[in-house]
Amino acid sequence: MFGSLAASVGLIGCNWSLLWLPTVALGIAMNWFGDSLDGSLARYRSEERPRFGFLVDHTCDLFSQIILIVAFGLSPFLSQVAALVVLLCYLLFFAYTYIRAAAHHVHQMSYIGVGATEFRILMIGWAFVASAAGLREPLVNGLSGIDISILGLGLLAVLGLGAKAVKDARQVATEESLSQAPQSDLADETENDLVVAKS
C-alpha cells in the first residue's frame, strides 16, 4: 500500500516536474515486491493464515490498483476519462476472477497474458513512454485521441470478458447437468425400491 501511495504522489507530481518519474517506478516496484513477498514470507515463517491472508492480500490489491489508476488520471500521462475506462475494466476483470473462482474453484490470475505483474510493468512503461513522447493530458478536457483509443480498447475488453463469461457459463451448465443426471437416476431407483417395499 505504501508503494502504491508513493507512486500516486509521483504521478501527480509529474504535472510540475518529470523528476517525479523515478518515484512512480520505485513505488510500483515496491507495491509489486510487497504483494509478491507477503505469502512467501508467511509460508517461510510458518505463520500462514489462509482466510485472513486471502482477505487482506486481495483487499490491498484492490485498493492499491484503484489508487494507482485514479492517480494516472490526475497525472499528465492519462486523462480522467481514459483512467476511468481503465479502472472500469480493471474492476470488471477483478470481480469476474472471483465469480469464476466460485463457479470453477479456479483462481485465474491473468487474462490475455496480462496479470498483476504485467499490469504493473505496463503502468511503469506507460509513464516513461508518455513522458518521452511529451504527452501532456490536461486535468480537464474533452475527448482526445487517446481517450477514444482507450474507450475502444475498453469496449473490446468488456466484449471479450462477456464472451468468456458466456463460455464459462456453458461449461458450468454442462458440468452441473452431468453431475445431476446420476443423482436423478438414483432418486428414481430409490423411489422404485420404496414402492416395491410398500407393496
N, C-alpha and C. Protein backbone atom coordinates (compact mmCIF):
# COMPACT_ATOMS: atom_id res chain seq x y z
N MET A 1 0.83 -1.19 0.00
CA MET A 1 0.00 0.00 0.00
C MET A 1 0.87 1.25 0.00
N PHE A 2 1.96 1.22 0.76
CA PHE A 2 2.88 2.36 0.79
C PHE A 2 3.46 2.61 -0.60
N GLY A 3 3.79 1.55 -1.33
CA GLY A 3 4.33 1.68 -2.68
C GLY A 3 3.34 2.32 -3.62
N SER A 4 2.08 1.92 -3.53
CA SER A 4 1.07 2.49 -4.43
C SER A 4 0.82 3.97 -4.09
N LEU A 5 0.87 4.31 -2.81
CA LEU A 5 0.70 5.72 -2.42
C LEU A 5 1.88 6.56 -2.89
N ALA A 6 3.10 6.02 -2.77
CA ALA A 6 4.29 6.74 -3.22
C ALA A 6 4.24 6.96 -4.73
N ALA A 7 3.84 5.91 -5.48
CA ALA A 7 3.74 6.04 -6.94
C ALA A 7 2.67 7.04 -7.32
N SER A 8 1.57 7.08 -6.57
CA SER A 8 0.50 8.03 -6.86
C SER A 8 0.95 9.47 -6.65
N VAL A 9 1.69 9.70 -5.58
CA VAL A 9 2.25 11.04 -5.34
C VAL A 9 3.18 11.42 -6.49
N GLY A 10 4.00 10.45 -6.92
CA GLY A 10 4.91 10.69 -8.04
C GLY A 10 4.17 11.01 -9.33
N LEU A 11 3.08 10.29 -9.60
CA LEU A 11 2.30 10.53 -10.82
C LEU A 11 1.71 11.94 -10.82
N ILE A 12 1.13 12.34 -9.70
CA ILE A 12 0.55 13.68 -9.61
C ILE A 12 1.65 14.74 -9.66
N GLY A 13 2.79 14.44 -9.03
CA GLY A 13 3.91 15.37 -9.04
C GLY A 13 4.47 15.62 -10.43
N CYS A 14 4.29 14.65 -11.34
CA CYS A 14 4.79 14.81 -12.72
C CYS A 14 4.11 15.95 -13.47
N ASN A 15 3.00 16.46 -12.93
CA ASN A 15 2.36 17.64 -13.53
C ASN A 15 3.28 18.85 -13.44
N TRP A 16 4.17 18.86 -12.44
CA TRP A 16 5.05 20.00 -12.23
C TRP A 16 6.50 19.71 -12.62
N SER A 17 6.92 18.45 -12.45
CA SER A 17 8.29 18.10 -12.81
C SER A 17 8.40 16.61 -13.10
N LEU A 18 9.12 16.28 -14.19
CA LEU A 18 9.33 14.88 -14.53
C LEU A 18 10.38 14.22 -13.64
N LEU A 19 10.95 14.99 -12.72
CA LEU A 19 11.87 14.40 -11.74
C LEU A 19 11.13 13.44 -10.80
N TRP A 20 9.79 13.50 -10.82
CA TRP A 20 8.99 12.58 -10.01
C TRP A 20 8.88 11.19 -10.65
N LEU A 21 9.28 11.03 -11.93
CA LEU A 21 9.14 9.75 -12.62
C LEU A 21 9.80 8.57 -11.90
N PRO A 22 11.03 8.72 -11.37
CA PRO A 22 11.62 7.58 -10.64
C PRO A 22 10.79 7.15 -9.44
N THR A 23 10.08 8.09 -8.82
CA THR A 23 9.22 7.76 -7.68
C THR A 23 8.07 6.86 -8.13
N VAL A 24 7.57 7.13 -9.34
CA VAL A 24 6.49 6.30 -9.90
C VAL A 24 6.99 4.86 -10.06
N ALA A 25 8.14 4.71 -10.72
CA ALA A 25 8.69 3.37 -10.97
C ALA A 25 9.02 2.67 -9.65
N LEU A 26 9.64 3.39 -8.74
CA LEU A 26 10.04 2.80 -7.46
C LEU A 26 8.81 2.40 -6.64
N GLY A 27 7.80 3.26 -6.62
CA GLY A 27 6.58 2.96 -5.87
C GLY A 27 5.85 1.74 -6.40
N ILE A 28 5.72 1.64 -7.73
CA ILE A 28 5.04 0.49 -8.33
C ILE A 28 5.86 -0.78 -8.10
N ALA A 29 7.18 -0.68 -8.20
CA ALA A 29 8.04 -1.84 -7.93
C ALA A 29 7.91 -2.28 -6.47
N MET A 30 7.82 -1.32 -5.56
CA MET A 30 7.65 -1.63 -4.14
C MET A 30 6.30 -2.31 -3.90
N ASN A 31 5.27 -1.83 -4.58
CA ASN A 31 3.94 -2.43 -4.48
C ASN A 31 3.97 -3.88 -4.96
N TRP A 32 4.64 -4.11 -6.09
CA TRP A 32 4.76 -5.47 -6.64
C TRP A 32 5.55 -6.37 -5.68
N PHE A 33 6.67 -5.85 -5.14
CA PHE A 33 7.52 -6.63 -4.25
C PHE A 33 6.74 -7.05 -3.00
N GLY A 34 6.03 -6.10 -2.40
CA GLY A 34 5.25 -6.40 -1.20
C GLY A 34 4.16 -7.42 -1.48
N ASP A 35 3.49 -7.26 -2.63
CA ASP A 35 2.42 -8.17 -2.99
C ASP A 35 2.95 -9.58 -3.25
N SER A 36 4.13 -9.67 -3.84
CA SER A 36 4.72 -10.97 -4.14
C SER A 36 5.32 -11.64 -2.90
N LEU A 37 5.80 -10.82 -1.97
CA LEU A 37 6.55 -11.35 -0.83
C LEU A 37 5.68 -11.82 0.33
N ASP A 38 4.49 -11.23 0.49
CA ASP A 38 3.73 -11.49 1.72
C ASP A 38 3.41 -12.97 1.94
N GLY A 39 2.90 -13.66 0.90
CA GLY A 39 2.57 -15.08 1.05
C GLY A 39 3.81 -15.93 1.27
N SER A 40 4.87 -15.63 0.53
CA SER A 40 6.12 -16.40 0.67
C SER A 40 6.70 -16.23 2.07
N LEU A 41 6.65 -15.01 2.59
CA LEU A 41 7.17 -14.74 3.93
C LEU A 41 6.36 -15.47 4.99
N ALA A 42 5.03 -15.48 4.83
CA ALA A 42 4.18 -16.19 5.79
C ALA A 42 4.48 -17.69 5.77
N ARG A 43 4.68 -18.25 4.57
CA ARG A 43 5.00 -19.68 4.48
C ARG A 43 6.37 -19.97 5.09
N TYR A 44 7.34 -19.10 4.83
CA TYR A 44 8.70 -19.28 5.36
C TYR A 44 8.68 -19.26 6.89
N ARG A 45 7.87 -18.37 7.46
CA ARG A 45 7.80 -18.25 8.92
C ARG A 45 6.82 -19.25 9.55
N SER A 46 6.16 -20.05 8.71
CA SER A 46 5.12 -20.98 9.18
C SER A 46 4.02 -20.24 9.93
N GLU A 47 3.64 -19.08 9.40
CA GLU A 47 2.60 -18.26 10.02
C GLU A 47 1.44 -18.04 9.04
N GLU A 48 1.14 -19.07 8.25
CA GLU A 48 0.08 -18.92 7.24
C GLU A 48 -1.29 -18.83 7.91
N ARG A 49 -2.08 -17.90 7.43
CA ARG A 49 -3.48 -17.79 7.84
C ARG A 49 -4.27 -17.63 6.55
N PRO A 50 -4.67 -18.74 5.93
CA PRO A 50 -5.24 -18.69 4.59
C PRO A 50 -6.42 -17.73 4.41
N ARG A 51 -7.41 -17.78 5.30
CA ARG A 51 -8.58 -16.92 5.12
C ARG A 51 -8.22 -15.46 5.33
N PHE A 52 -7.48 -15.18 6.41
CA PHE A 52 -7.08 -13.80 6.70
C PHE A 52 -6.14 -13.27 5.61
N GLY A 53 -5.17 -14.11 5.22
CA GLY A 53 -4.23 -13.71 4.18
C GLY A 53 -4.92 -13.40 2.87
N PHE A 54 -5.87 -14.25 2.50
CA PHE A 54 -6.63 -14.05 1.26
C PHE A 54 -7.38 -12.72 1.33
N LEU A 55 -8.05 -12.49 2.46
CA LEU A 55 -8.84 -11.27 2.63
C LEU A 55 -7.96 -10.02 2.55
N VAL A 56 -6.89 -9.99 3.32
CA VAL A 56 -6.03 -8.81 3.38
C VAL A 56 -5.29 -8.60 2.05
N ASP A 57 -4.74 -9.68 1.49
CA ASP A 57 -3.97 -9.59 0.25
C ASP A 57 -4.82 -9.01 -0.88
N HIS A 58 -5.99 -9.57 -1.08
CA HIS A 58 -6.79 -9.14 -2.23
C HIS A 58 -7.48 -7.80 -1.99
N THR A 59 -7.76 -7.48 -0.73
CA THR A 59 -8.30 -6.16 -0.44
C THR A 59 -7.25 -5.09 -0.69
N CYS A 60 -6.02 -5.35 -0.26
CA CYS A 60 -4.92 -4.41 -0.53
C CYS A 60 -4.65 -4.27 -2.02
N ASP A 61 -4.70 -5.39 -2.75
CA ASP A 61 -4.53 -5.34 -4.21
C ASP A 61 -5.58 -4.43 -4.83
N LEU A 62 -6.82 -4.63 -4.43
CA LEU A 62 -7.92 -3.84 -4.99
C LEU A 62 -7.72 -2.35 -4.75
N PHE A 63 -7.45 -1.98 -3.49
CA PHE A 63 -7.30 -0.56 -3.18
C PHE A 63 -6.04 0.04 -3.78
N SER A 64 -4.95 -0.71 -3.80
CA SER A 64 -3.71 -0.14 -4.34
C SER A 64 -3.83 0.11 -5.83
N GLN A 65 -4.49 -0.81 -6.57
CA GLN A 65 -4.64 -0.61 -8.01
C GLN A 65 -5.62 0.52 -8.30
N ILE A 66 -6.68 0.65 -7.51
CA ILE A 66 -7.61 1.76 -7.70
C ILE A 66 -6.90 3.09 -7.49
N ILE A 67 -6.10 3.18 -6.42
CA ILE A 67 -5.36 4.41 -6.13
C ILE A 67 -4.42 4.76 -7.29
N LEU A 68 -3.71 3.76 -7.80
CA LEU A 68 -2.77 3.99 -8.90
C LEU A 68 -3.48 4.44 -10.18
N ILE A 69 -4.57 3.78 -10.52
CA ILE A 69 -5.28 4.13 -11.77
C ILE A 69 -5.88 5.53 -11.67
N VAL A 70 -6.47 5.86 -10.53
CA VAL A 70 -7.02 7.22 -10.34
C VAL A 70 -5.89 8.25 -10.41
N ALA A 71 -4.74 7.93 -9.83
CA ALA A 71 -3.60 8.85 -9.88
C ALA A 71 -3.12 9.07 -11.31
N PHE A 72 -3.20 8.03 -12.15
CA PHE A 72 -2.86 8.21 -13.57
C PHE A 72 -3.78 9.24 -14.21
N GLY A 73 -5.04 9.24 -13.81
CA GLY A 73 -5.99 10.22 -14.34
C GLY A 73 -5.71 11.63 -13.87
N LEU A 74 -4.96 11.77 -12.79
CA LEU A 74 -4.57 13.09 -12.27
C LEU A 74 -3.15 13.46 -12.69
N SER A 75 -2.53 12.59 -13.50
CA SER A 75 -1.17 12.83 -13.99
C SER A 75 -1.24 13.42 -15.40
N PRO A 76 -0.10 13.84 -15.95
CA PRO A 76 -0.13 14.33 -17.33
C PRO A 76 -0.16 13.21 -18.37
N PHE A 77 -0.13 11.95 -17.94
CA PHE A 77 0.03 10.83 -18.85
C PHE A 77 -1.27 10.18 -19.30
N LEU A 78 -2.37 10.50 -18.64
CA LEU A 78 -3.66 9.89 -18.97
C LEU A 78 -4.76 10.86 -18.54
N SER A 79 -5.77 10.99 -19.36
CA SER A 79 -6.89 11.86 -18.97
C SER A 79 -7.76 11.14 -17.94
N GLN A 80 -8.62 11.89 -17.29
CA GLN A 80 -9.51 11.28 -16.31
C GLN A 80 -10.47 10.30 -16.97
N VAL A 81 -10.94 10.63 -18.18
CA VAL A 81 -11.85 9.72 -18.88
C VAL A 81 -11.15 8.40 -19.17
N ALA A 82 -9.93 8.47 -19.72
CA ALA A 82 -9.19 7.25 -20.04
C ALA A 82 -8.90 6.44 -18.77
N ALA A 83 -8.52 7.12 -17.69
CA ALA A 83 -8.23 6.43 -16.44
C ALA A 83 -9.47 5.73 -15.90
N LEU A 84 -10.63 6.37 -16.02
CA LEU A 84 -11.86 5.76 -15.53
C LEU A 84 -12.25 4.54 -16.38
N VAL A 85 -11.97 4.57 -17.67
CA VAL A 85 -12.22 3.40 -18.52
C VAL A 85 -11.31 2.25 -18.09
N VAL A 86 -10.02 2.56 -17.86
CA VAL A 86 -9.08 1.53 -17.38
C VAL A 86 -9.55 0.98 -16.04
N LEU A 87 -10.00 1.87 -15.15
CA LEU A 87 -10.48 1.45 -13.83
C LEU A 87 -11.71 0.55 -13.96
N LEU A 88 -12.62 0.93 -14.84
CA LEU A 88 -13.82 0.12 -15.05
C LEU A 88 -13.44 -1.29 -15.51
N CYS A 89 -12.53 -1.36 -16.48
CA CYS A 89 -12.10 -2.68 -16.98
C CYS A 89 -11.39 -3.47 -15.89
N TYR A 90 -10.54 -2.80 -15.12
CA TYR A 90 -9.83 -3.48 -14.03
C TYR A 90 -10.83 -4.08 -13.04
N LEU A 91 -11.82 -3.28 -12.63
CA LEU A 91 -12.80 -3.74 -11.65
C LEU A 91 -13.65 -4.88 -12.20
N LEU A 92 -14.00 -4.80 -13.49
CA LEU A 92 -14.76 -5.89 -14.11
C LEU A 92 -13.98 -7.20 -14.08
N PHE A 93 -12.71 -7.14 -14.49
CA PHE A 93 -11.90 -8.35 -14.51
C PHE A 93 -11.63 -8.86 -13.10
N PHE A 94 -11.42 -7.92 -12.16
CA PHE A 94 -11.18 -8.29 -10.76
C PHE A 94 -12.40 -9.04 -10.21
N ALA A 95 -13.59 -8.48 -10.46
CA ALA A 95 -14.82 -9.10 -9.98
C ALA A 95 -15.05 -10.45 -10.65
N TYR A 96 -14.80 -10.51 -11.95
CA TYR A 96 -15.05 -11.76 -12.66
C TYR A 96 -14.10 -12.87 -12.22
N THR A 97 -12.91 -12.50 -11.82
CA THR A 97 -11.96 -13.50 -11.31
C THR A 97 -12.58 -14.26 -10.14
N TYR A 98 -13.30 -13.54 -9.26
CA TYR A 98 -13.86 -14.18 -8.07
C TYR A 98 -15.18 -14.87 -8.38
N ILE A 99 -15.92 -14.36 -9.36
CA ILE A 99 -17.13 -15.07 -9.81
C ILE A 99 -16.71 -16.42 -10.40
N ARG A 100 -15.67 -16.38 -11.22
CA ARG A 100 -15.17 -17.60 -11.86
C ARG A 100 -14.60 -18.57 -10.82
N ALA A 101 -13.93 -18.01 -9.81
CA ALA A 101 -13.37 -18.86 -8.75
C ALA A 101 -14.48 -19.59 -8.00
N ALA A 102 -15.60 -18.91 -7.77
CA ALA A 102 -16.73 -19.54 -7.08
C ALA A 102 -17.37 -20.62 -7.94
N ALA A 103 -17.44 -20.38 -9.24
CA ALA A 103 -18.09 -21.34 -10.14
C ALA A 103 -17.20 -22.52 -10.51
N HIS A 104 -15.90 -22.26 -10.70
CA HIS A 104 -14.98 -23.29 -11.20
C HIS A 104 -13.99 -23.77 -10.14
N HIS A 105 -13.91 -23.09 -9.02
CA HIS A 105 -12.90 -23.38 -7.99
C HIS A 105 -11.49 -23.24 -8.55
N VAL A 106 -11.32 -22.28 -9.47
CA VAL A 106 -10.02 -21.97 -10.07
C VAL A 106 -9.81 -20.47 -9.98
N HIS A 107 -8.68 -20.07 -9.43
CA HIS A 107 -8.39 -18.64 -9.29
C HIS A 107 -7.49 -18.23 -10.45
N GLN A 108 -8.10 -17.73 -11.53
CA GLN A 108 -7.34 -17.34 -12.72
C GLN A 108 -6.67 -16.00 -12.45
N MET A 109 -5.35 -15.97 -12.63
CA MET A 109 -4.57 -14.79 -12.27
C MET A 109 -4.32 -13.83 -13.44
N SER A 110 -4.54 -14.29 -14.68
CA SER A 110 -4.27 -13.41 -15.81
C SER A 110 -5.26 -13.66 -16.94
N TYR A 111 -5.46 -12.64 -17.74
CA TYR A 111 -6.31 -12.70 -18.91
C TYR A 111 -5.51 -12.17 -20.09
N ILE A 112 -5.64 -12.81 -21.23
CA ILE A 112 -4.90 -12.48 -22.46
C ILE A 112 -3.42 -12.21 -22.17
N GLY A 113 -2.87 -13.00 -21.26
CA GLY A 113 -1.45 -12.89 -20.93
C GLY A 113 -1.10 -11.73 -20.02
N VAL A 114 -2.10 -11.03 -19.49
CA VAL A 114 -1.84 -9.88 -18.60
C VAL A 114 -2.36 -10.20 -17.21
N GLY A 115 -1.42 -10.29 -16.27
CA GLY A 115 -1.76 -10.49 -14.87
C GLY A 115 -1.31 -9.28 -14.07
N ALA A 116 -1.25 -9.42 -12.76
CA ALA A 116 -0.89 -8.30 -11.89
C ALA A 116 0.51 -7.76 -12.19
N THR A 117 1.47 -8.66 -12.41
CA THR A 117 2.85 -8.23 -12.69
C THR A 117 2.93 -7.48 -14.01
N GLU A 118 2.30 -8.05 -15.05
CA GLU A 118 2.32 -7.40 -16.36
C GLU A 118 1.61 -6.05 -16.33
N PHE A 119 0.53 -5.98 -15.55
CA PHE A 119 -0.21 -4.71 -15.43
C PHE A 119 0.67 -3.63 -14.81
N ARG A 120 1.45 -4.03 -13.80
CA ARG A 120 2.36 -3.06 -13.17
C ARG A 120 3.46 -2.63 -14.15
N ILE A 121 3.98 -3.59 -14.92
CA ILE A 121 5.00 -3.25 -15.93
C ILE A 121 4.43 -2.28 -16.96
N LEU A 122 3.18 -2.53 -17.37
CA LEU A 122 2.52 -1.62 -18.32
C LEU A 122 2.37 -0.22 -17.74
N MET A 123 2.05 -0.12 -16.45
CA MET A 123 1.91 1.20 -15.82
C MET A 123 3.24 1.96 -15.82
N ILE A 124 4.30 1.27 -15.42
CA ILE A 124 5.62 1.91 -15.41
C ILE A 124 6.02 2.29 -16.84
N GLY A 125 5.83 1.36 -17.76
CA GLY A 125 6.19 1.61 -19.15
C GLY A 125 5.43 2.78 -19.74
N TRP A 126 4.11 2.84 -19.45
CA TRP A 126 3.30 3.94 -19.99
C TRP A 126 3.78 5.29 -19.46
N ALA A 127 4.11 5.35 -18.18
CA ALA A 127 4.58 6.62 -17.62
C ALA A 127 5.85 7.10 -18.33
N PHE A 128 6.78 6.19 -18.58
CA PHE A 128 8.04 6.58 -19.23
C PHE A 128 7.86 6.86 -20.73
N VAL A 129 7.04 6.05 -21.41
CA VAL A 129 6.79 6.27 -22.84
C VAL A 129 6.05 7.59 -23.05
N ALA A 130 5.01 7.83 -22.23
CA ALA A 130 4.24 9.07 -22.36
C ALA A 130 5.11 10.29 -22.06
N SER A 131 6.00 10.13 -21.08
CA SER A 131 6.92 11.22 -20.74
C SER A 131 7.88 11.50 -21.89
N ALA A 132 8.45 10.43 -22.47
CA ALA A 132 9.39 10.58 -23.59
C ALA A 132 8.70 11.17 -24.82
N ALA A 133 7.41 10.85 -24.99
CA ALA A 133 6.66 11.35 -26.14
C ALA A 133 6.16 12.78 -25.92
N GLY A 134 6.38 13.29 -24.71
CA GLY A 134 5.94 14.66 -24.41
C GLY A 134 4.44 14.79 -24.23
N LEU A 135 3.79 13.69 -23.85
CA LEU A 135 2.34 13.70 -23.66
C LEU A 135 1.99 14.55 -22.44
N ARG A 136 1.06 15.47 -22.62
CA ARG A 136 0.61 16.32 -21.51
C ARG A 136 -0.91 16.40 -21.56
N GLU A 137 -1.57 15.46 -20.92
CA GLU A 137 -3.02 15.47 -20.86
C GLU A 137 -3.47 16.46 -19.79
N PRO A 138 -4.29 17.46 -20.17
CA PRO A 138 -4.78 18.39 -19.14
C PRO A 138 -5.73 17.68 -18.18
N LEU A 139 -5.85 18.21 -16.97
CA LEU A 139 -6.71 17.57 -15.97
C LEU A 139 -8.18 17.60 -16.38
N VAL A 140 -8.60 18.64 -17.10
CA VAL A 140 -9.99 18.73 -17.54
C VAL A 140 -9.99 19.03 -19.03
N ASN A 141 -10.64 18.18 -19.81
CA ASN A 141 -10.71 18.41 -21.26
C ASN A 141 -11.81 17.58 -21.88
N GLY A 142 -12.01 17.76 -23.17
CA GLY A 142 -12.95 16.91 -23.90
C GLY A 142 -12.25 15.60 -24.24
N LEU A 143 -12.85 14.83 -25.14
CA LEU A 143 -12.26 13.55 -25.53
C LEU A 143 -11.09 13.79 -26.48
N SER A 144 -9.93 13.24 -26.14
CA SER A 144 -8.77 13.33 -27.01
C SER A 144 -8.66 12.05 -27.82
N GLY A 145 -7.69 11.99 -28.71
CA GLY A 145 -7.45 10.78 -29.48
C GLY A 145 -7.13 9.60 -28.59
N ILE A 146 -6.38 9.86 -27.52
CA ILE A 146 -6.04 8.78 -26.58
C ILE A 146 -7.30 8.28 -25.87
N ASP A 147 -8.19 9.23 -25.48
CA ASP A 147 -9.45 8.83 -24.84
C ASP A 147 -10.24 7.89 -25.75
N ILE A 148 -10.35 8.27 -27.02
CA ILE A 148 -11.11 7.46 -27.97
C ILE A 148 -10.47 6.09 -28.14
N SER A 149 -9.13 6.06 -28.23
CA SER A 149 -8.43 4.78 -28.37
C SER A 149 -8.67 3.89 -27.15
N ILE A 150 -8.56 4.48 -25.96
CA ILE A 150 -8.74 3.69 -24.74
C ILE A 150 -10.19 3.26 -24.58
N LEU A 151 -11.13 4.13 -24.97
CA LEU A 151 -12.54 3.74 -24.94
C LEU A 151 -12.77 2.53 -25.86
N GLY A 152 -12.14 2.56 -27.04
CA GLY A 152 -12.26 1.43 -27.97
C GLY A 152 -11.67 0.16 -27.40
N LEU A 153 -10.48 0.28 -26.80
CA LEU A 153 -9.84 -0.90 -26.18
C LEU A 153 -10.67 -1.40 -25.00
N GLY A 154 -11.22 -0.45 -24.24
CA GLY A 154 -12.07 -0.83 -23.11
C GLY A 154 -13.30 -1.59 -23.58
N LEU A 155 -13.90 -1.14 -24.68
CA LEU A 155 -15.06 -1.82 -25.24
C LEU A 155 -14.69 -3.24 -25.68
N LEU A 156 -13.55 -3.37 -26.34
CA LEU A 156 -13.09 -4.71 -26.75
C LEU A 156 -12.87 -5.61 -25.54
N ALA A 157 -12.28 -5.04 -24.47
CA ALA A 157 -12.03 -5.82 -23.26
C ALA A 157 -13.34 -6.29 -22.63
N VAL A 158 -14.34 -5.40 -22.58
CA VAL A 158 -15.63 -5.77 -21.99
C VAL A 158 -16.32 -6.83 -22.84
N LEU A 159 -16.27 -6.67 -24.18
CA LEU A 159 -16.87 -7.68 -25.06
C LEU A 159 -16.16 -9.03 -24.92
N GLY A 160 -14.82 -8.98 -24.80
CA GLY A 160 -14.06 -10.22 -24.61
C GLY A 160 -14.42 -10.90 -23.30
N LEU A 161 -14.58 -10.09 -22.25
CA LEU A 161 -14.97 -10.66 -20.95
C LEU A 161 -16.37 -11.24 -21.03
N GLY A 162 -17.27 -10.56 -21.75
CA GLY A 162 -18.63 -11.08 -21.92
C GLY A 162 -18.62 -12.42 -22.63
N ALA A 163 -17.80 -12.54 -23.68
CA ALA A 163 -17.70 -13.81 -24.40
C ALA A 163 -17.15 -14.91 -23.50
N LYS A 164 -16.16 -14.56 -22.67
CA LYS A 164 -15.58 -15.55 -21.75
C LYS A 164 -16.62 -15.97 -20.71
N ALA A 165 -17.41 -15.02 -20.24
CA ALA A 165 -18.45 -15.32 -19.25
C ALA A 165 -19.47 -16.30 -19.83
N VAL A 166 -19.86 -16.08 -21.10
CA VAL A 166 -20.82 -16.98 -21.76
C VAL A 166 -20.21 -18.38 -21.88
N LYS A 167 -18.95 -18.45 -22.30
CA LYS A 167 -18.27 -19.74 -22.45
C LYS A 167 -18.19 -20.47 -21.11
N ASP A 168 -17.81 -19.72 -20.06
CA ASP A 168 -17.69 -20.34 -18.73
C ASP A 168 -19.06 -20.80 -18.23
N ALA A 169 -20.09 -19.99 -18.47
CA ALA A 169 -21.44 -20.35 -18.02
C ALA A 169 -21.89 -21.65 -18.70
N ARG A 170 -21.61 -21.77 -20.00
CA ARG A 170 -21.96 -23.00 -20.72
C ARG A 170 -21.23 -24.20 -20.14
N GLN A 171 -19.95 -24.01 -19.82
CA GLN A 171 -19.16 -25.11 -19.26
C GLN A 171 -19.71 -25.54 -17.91
N VAL A 172 -20.05 -24.55 -17.06
CA VAL A 172 -20.61 -24.87 -15.74
C VAL A 172 -21.95 -25.57 -15.89
N ALA A 173 -22.78 -25.10 -16.83
CA ALA A 173 -24.09 -25.71 -17.05
C ALA A 173 -23.93 -27.17 -17.48
N THR A 174 -22.98 -27.43 -18.37
CA THR A 174 -22.73 -28.80 -18.83
C THR A 174 -22.25 -29.67 -17.68
N GLU A 175 -21.31 -29.14 -16.87
CA GLU A 175 -20.78 -29.90 -15.74
C GLU A 175 -21.88 -30.20 -14.72
N GLU A 176 -22.75 -29.21 -14.46
CA GLU A 176 -23.83 -29.42 -13.49
C GLU A 176 -24.85 -30.43 -13.99
N SER A 177 -25.17 -30.35 -15.29
CA SER A 177 -26.16 -31.30 -15.83
C SER A 177 -25.61 -32.73 -15.79
N LEU A 178 -24.29 -32.87 -16.03
CA LEU A 178 -23.68 -34.20 -15.96
C LEU A 178 -23.65 -34.72 -14.53
N SER A 179 -23.38 -33.82 -13.58
CA SER A 179 -23.30 -34.27 -12.18
C SER A 179 -24.68 -34.53 -11.58
N GLN A 180 -25.73 -33.90 -12.14
CA GLN A 180 -27.07 -34.10 -11.61
C GLN A 180 -27.77 -35.32 -12.20
N ALA A 181 -27.36 -35.73 -13.41
CA ALA A 181 -28.02 -36.86 -14.06
C ALA A 181 -27.97 -38.13 -13.22
N PRO A 182 -26.82 -38.55 -12.73
CA PRO A 182 -26.77 -39.77 -11.91
C PRO A 182 -27.60 -39.65 -10.63
N GLN A 183 -27.67 -38.43 -10.06
CA GLN A 183 -28.43 -38.25 -8.83
C GLN A 183 -29.91 -38.47 -9.08
N SER A 184 -30.43 -37.95 -10.22
CA SER A 184 -31.86 -38.13 -10.50
C SER A 184 -32.17 -39.60 -10.78
N ASP A 185 -31.24 -40.30 -11.47
CA ASP A 185 -31.43 -41.74 -11.70
C ASP A 185 -31.47 -42.49 -10.37
N LEU A 186 -30.57 -42.08 -9.46
CA LEU A 186 -30.51 -42.71 -8.14
C LEU A 186 -31.79 -42.45 -7.37
N ALA A 187 -32.33 -41.23 -7.49
CA ALA A 187 -33.58 -40.89 -6.80
C ALA A 187 -34.71 -41.74 -7.34
N ASP A 188 -34.76 -41.97 -8.67
CA ASP A 188 -35.81 -42.80 -9.27
C ASP A 188 -35.71 -44.23 -8.77
N GLU A 189 -34.46 -44.74 -8.69
CA GLU A 189 -34.26 -46.11 -8.22
C GLU A 189 -34.70 -46.25 -6.76
N THR A 190 -34.38 -45.22 -5.94
CA THR A 190 -34.77 -45.25 -4.53
C THR A 190 -36.29 -45.22 -4.40
N GLU A 191 -36.95 -44.41 -5.25
CA GLU A 191 -38.41 -44.32 -5.22
C GLU A 191 -39.03 -45.65 -5.62
N ASN A 192 -38.49 -46.29 -6.64
CA ASN A 192 -38.98 -47.60 -7.07
C ASN A 192 -38.82 -48.64 -5.96
N ASP A 193 -37.67 -48.59 -5.25
CA ASP A 193 -37.43 -49.53 -4.15
C ASP A 193 -38.47 -49.35 -3.06
N LEU A 194 -38.84 -48.06 -2.79
CA LEU A 194 -39.84 -47.78 -1.76
C LEU A 194 -41.20 -48.33 -2.16
N VAL A 195 -41.56 -48.17 -3.45
CA VAL A 195 -42.85 -48.68 -3.94
C VAL A 195 -42.89 -50.20 -3.81
N VAL A 196 -41.78 -50.88 -4.17
CA VAL A 196 -41.71 -52.35 -4.08
C VAL A 196 -41.82 -52.77 -2.62
N ALA A 197 -41.12 -52.01 -1.74
CA ALA A 197 -41.14 -52.37 -0.32
C ALA A 197 -42.55 -52.22 0.26
N LYS A 198 -43.28 -51.15 -0.16
CA LYS A 198 -44.63 -50.94 0.34
C LYS A 198 -45.57 -52.04 -0.14
N SER A 199 -45.42 -52.44 -1.39
CA SER A 199 -46.33 -53.47 -1.95
C SER A 199 -45.98 -54.84 -1.34
